[in-house]
Protein backbone atom coordinates (compact mmCIF):
# COMPACT_ATOMS: atom_id res chain seq x y z
CA MET A 1 -13.67 -81.18 -80.65
CA GLU A 2 -13.49 -82.56 -84.20
CA PHE A 3 -13.76 -86.54 -84.46
CA PRO A 4 -11.62 -88.98 -86.07
CA LYS A 5 -12.39 -89.88 -89.39
CA ALA A 6 -12.28 -93.61 -90.34
CA THR A 7 -9.06 -94.58 -92.60
CA GLU A 8 -7.98 -97.46 -95.05
CA HIS A 9 -6.90 -99.21 -92.28
CA HIS A 10 -10.06 -99.30 -90.46
CA ARG A 11 -11.57 -100.33 -93.50
CA VAL A 12 -10.12 -103.39 -93.62
CA LEU A 13 -11.75 -104.71 -91.11
CA ASP A 14 -14.93 -103.89 -92.39
CA ARG A 15 -14.04 -107.17 -94.43
CA LEU A 16 -14.58 -109.18 -91.17
CA VAL A 17 -18.13 -108.24 -90.98
CA GLY A 18 -20.66 -110.94 -90.83
CA ASP A 19 -21.63 -114.71 -90.23
CA TRP A 20 -19.30 -117.44 -90.29
CA LEU A 21 -18.47 -121.15 -90.42
CA TYR A 22 -15.16 -122.61 -89.89
CA VAL A 23 -15.35 -125.22 -92.80
CA SER A 24 -11.80 -127.11 -91.15
CA SER A 25 -9.41 -126.90 -88.63
CA THR A 26 -6.53 -128.13 -87.64
CA GLY A 27 -6.81 -127.39 -84.32
CA HIS A 28 -9.76 -129.00 -82.81
CA GLU A 29 -9.45 -132.93 -82.93
CA GLY A 30 -12.13 -134.71 -84.74
CA TYR A 31 -13.59 -130.86 -86.33
CA ASP A 32 -16.65 -131.48 -88.20
CA PRO A 33 -18.67 -128.38 -89.22
CA GLU A 34 -21.76 -130.44 -89.95
CA ASP A 35 -21.88 -131.69 -86.25
CA PRO A 36 -23.65 -129.39 -84.35
CA LEU A 37 -21.70 -130.14 -80.93
CA LYS A 38 -18.56 -129.80 -83.00
CA ARG A 39 -18.81 -126.94 -85.36
CA TRP A 40 -17.15 -123.40 -84.65
CA THR A 41 -19.23 -120.54 -86.05
CA GLU A 42 -18.25 -116.50 -85.68
CA LYS A 43 -20.47 -113.29 -85.70
CA VAL A 44 -18.63 -110.27 -86.45
CA ARG A 45 -20.10 -106.74 -86.00
CA SER A 46 -19.31 -103.15 -86.47
CA VAL A 47 -18.77 -100.54 -83.40
CA GLY A 48 -19.01 -97.61 -85.27
CA ASP A 49 -16.44 -96.78 -88.21
CA PHE A 50 -13.08 -97.41 -86.26
CA TRP A 51 -13.79 -100.94 -84.35
CA VAL A 52 -14.78 -104.77 -84.76
CA VAL A 53 -16.52 -107.40 -82.12
CA SER A 54 -15.92 -111.20 -83.22
CA GLU A 55 -17.97 -113.79 -80.89
CA GLY A 56 -17.22 -117.09 -81.76
CA GLU A 57 -18.23 -120.32 -80.19
CA GLY A 58 -17.90 -123.85 -80.95
CA GLY A 59 -16.94 -127.50 -79.74
CA MET A 60 -13.72 -128.24 -77.94
CA GLY A 61 -12.02 -131.53 -78.60
CA ASP A 62 -12.86 -132.73 -75.23
CA GLY A 63 -16.59 -132.59 -75.65
CA THR A 64 -17.01 -129.37 -74.22
CA ARG A 65 -18.41 -126.07 -75.70
CA SER A 66 -16.31 -122.82 -75.89
CA SER A 67 -16.97 -119.35 -76.77
CA MET A 68 -14.47 -116.60 -77.20
CA ILE A 69 -14.82 -112.39 -78.00
CA MET A 70 -11.86 -110.64 -80.13
CA THR A 71 -12.06 -106.83 -80.36
CA LEU A 72 -9.96 -104.96 -83.28
CA GLY A 73 -9.22 -101.64 -84.25
CA TYR A 74 -6.14 -99.75 -85.46
CA ASP A 75 -5.17 -97.02 -83.68
CA PRO A 76 -3.31 -94.24 -86.01
CA ARG A 77 -1.62 -92.44 -83.08
CA LEU A 78 0.35 -95.74 -82.79
CA GLY A 79 0.40 -96.61 -85.91
CA HIS A 80 -1.02 -100.65 -85.83
CA TYR A 81 -3.97 -102.21 -85.27
CA VAL A 82 -4.84 -102.96 -81.60
CA GLY A 83 -7.29 -105.72 -80.05
CA THR A 84 -8.03 -108.11 -77.38
CA TRP A 85 -8.97 -111.97 -77.39
CA VAL A 86 -10.66 -113.71 -74.12
CA GLY A 87 -11.69 -117.20 -74.23
CA SER A 88 -14.04 -119.43 -71.66
CA MET A 89 -11.21 -122.19 -72.13
CA MET A 90 -8.58 -119.87 -70.69
CA ASP A 91 -8.20 -117.09 -67.86
CA LYS A 92 -5.67 -114.22 -69.92
CA LEU A 93 -6.49 -111.61 -71.94
CA TRP A 94 -4.79 -111.41 -74.62
CA VAL A 95 -3.56 -107.91 -75.83
CA TYR A 96 -2.97 -107.85 -79.96
CA LYS A 97 -0.77 -105.52 -81.77
CA GLY A 98 -0.70 -105.71 -85.51
CA TRP A 99 -0.47 -104.86 -89.21
CA LEU A 100 -1.45 -105.57 -92.60
CA GLU A 101 1.30 -107.12 -94.52
CA ASP A 102 1.91 -105.44 -97.82
CA ASP A 103 -0.48 -107.62 -99.77
CA GLY A 104 -3.41 -105.93 -98.38
CA GLN A 105 -5.08 -109.43 -97.71
CA THR A 106 -3.06 -110.65 -94.50
CA LEU A 107 -3.65 -109.39 -91.33
CA VAL A 108 -0.91 -110.33 -88.40
CA LEU A 109 -1.86 -109.88 -85.06
CA GLU A 110 1.04 -110.58 -82.03
CA ALA A 111 0.32 -111.01 -78.32
CA GLU A 112 2.44 -111.88 -75.33
CA GLY A 113 1.23 -114.91 -73.56
CA PRO A 114 2.10 -117.99 -71.35
CA SER A 115 4.06 -120.99 -72.77
CA MET A 116 1.89 -123.92 -73.84
CA GLU A 117 5.23 -125.99 -72.23
CA ASP A 118 5.82 -123.87 -68.96
CA PRO A 119 3.42 -121.55 -68.47
CA SER A 120 5.90 -119.46 -66.01
CA ARG A 121 7.43 -118.56 -69.13
CA SER A 122 6.35 -116.08 -71.65
CA GLU A 123 6.27 -116.38 -75.21
CA ILE A 124 4.88 -114.45 -78.29
CA TYR A 125 2.24 -115.45 -80.49
CA ARG A 126 0.80 -114.54 -83.46
CA ASP A 127 -2.43 -114.90 -85.38
CA VAL A 128 -3.07 -114.46 -89.00
CA ILE A 129 -6.25 -113.76 -90.77
CA HIS A 130 -5.76 -114.12 -94.79
CA PHE A 131 -8.53 -113.00 -96.69
CA ILE A 132 -8.94 -115.05 -99.88
CA ASP A 133 -11.76 -113.46 -100.99
CA ASP A 134 -14.61 -111.40 -99.52
CA ASP A 135 -16.26 -114.62 -98.38
CA THR A 136 -13.78 -117.09 -97.61
CA ARG A 137 -10.46 -116.35 -95.01
CA THR A 138 -7.88 -118.57 -93.07
CA PHE A 139 -6.53 -118.20 -89.77
CA SER A 140 -3.49 -119.46 -88.42
CA GLY A 141 -2.23 -119.41 -84.45
CA SER A 142 1.75 -119.98 -84.22
CA VAL A 143 4.30 -119.23 -81.27
CA ARG A 144 7.57 -117.96 -81.55
CA LYS A 145 10.82 -120.44 -81.15
CA PRO A 146 13.71 -119.54 -79.68
CA ASP A 147 15.34 -119.39 -83.12
CA GLY A 148 12.89 -116.66 -84.12
CA SER A 149 10.87 -118.45 -86.69
CA PHE A 150 7.13 -119.32 -85.87
CA HIS A 151 5.44 -122.74 -85.53
CA THR A 152 2.09 -123.08 -86.63
CA PHE A 153 0.03 -125.18 -84.14
CA MET A 154 -3.63 -124.48 -85.19
CA THR A 155 -5.26 -123.32 -88.93
CA SER A 156 -8.39 -123.01 -90.40
CA GLU A 157 -10.59 -122.06 -93.17
CA SER A 158 -13.80 -119.64 -92.75
CA LYS A 159 -16.71 -119.01 -95.12
CA ARG A 160 -19.31 -116.48 -95.15
CA VAL A 161 -22.65 -117.60 -93.99
CA GLY A 162 -24.78 -114.50 -93.60
């Protein structure tokens, strides 16, 4: 059996590897990166040449601490990025399907999950990671509206700290 070789799609994920500090966030009321009780940090590591695992933690708006884990890879047989996301604040395993925009700087990940307004309904959510440069990236979380457009409910900017 011949083992697969990493592709350019896999190497895009290497840009995430490192330690990150969220320097701004619209998704957490009163977010302050200087306050250790509110700050969000993230550690991203490689798992071989094909996967990255991200572990983040930080303060929620209600003063509680939360953590999250994200896995990302690229499946050449399916022709798209794949991954998962779990967070200590909810009981849903989010399964991503994604793509890299033509600019080569924007990774779009979509998943289906319960509606924020009516948990008995499902909606399509979109997480977008945009690389500003090697040490700065933005994130946005959006939900698809009935007209097909997306409403952004959370944004953040992260800086590499290690």
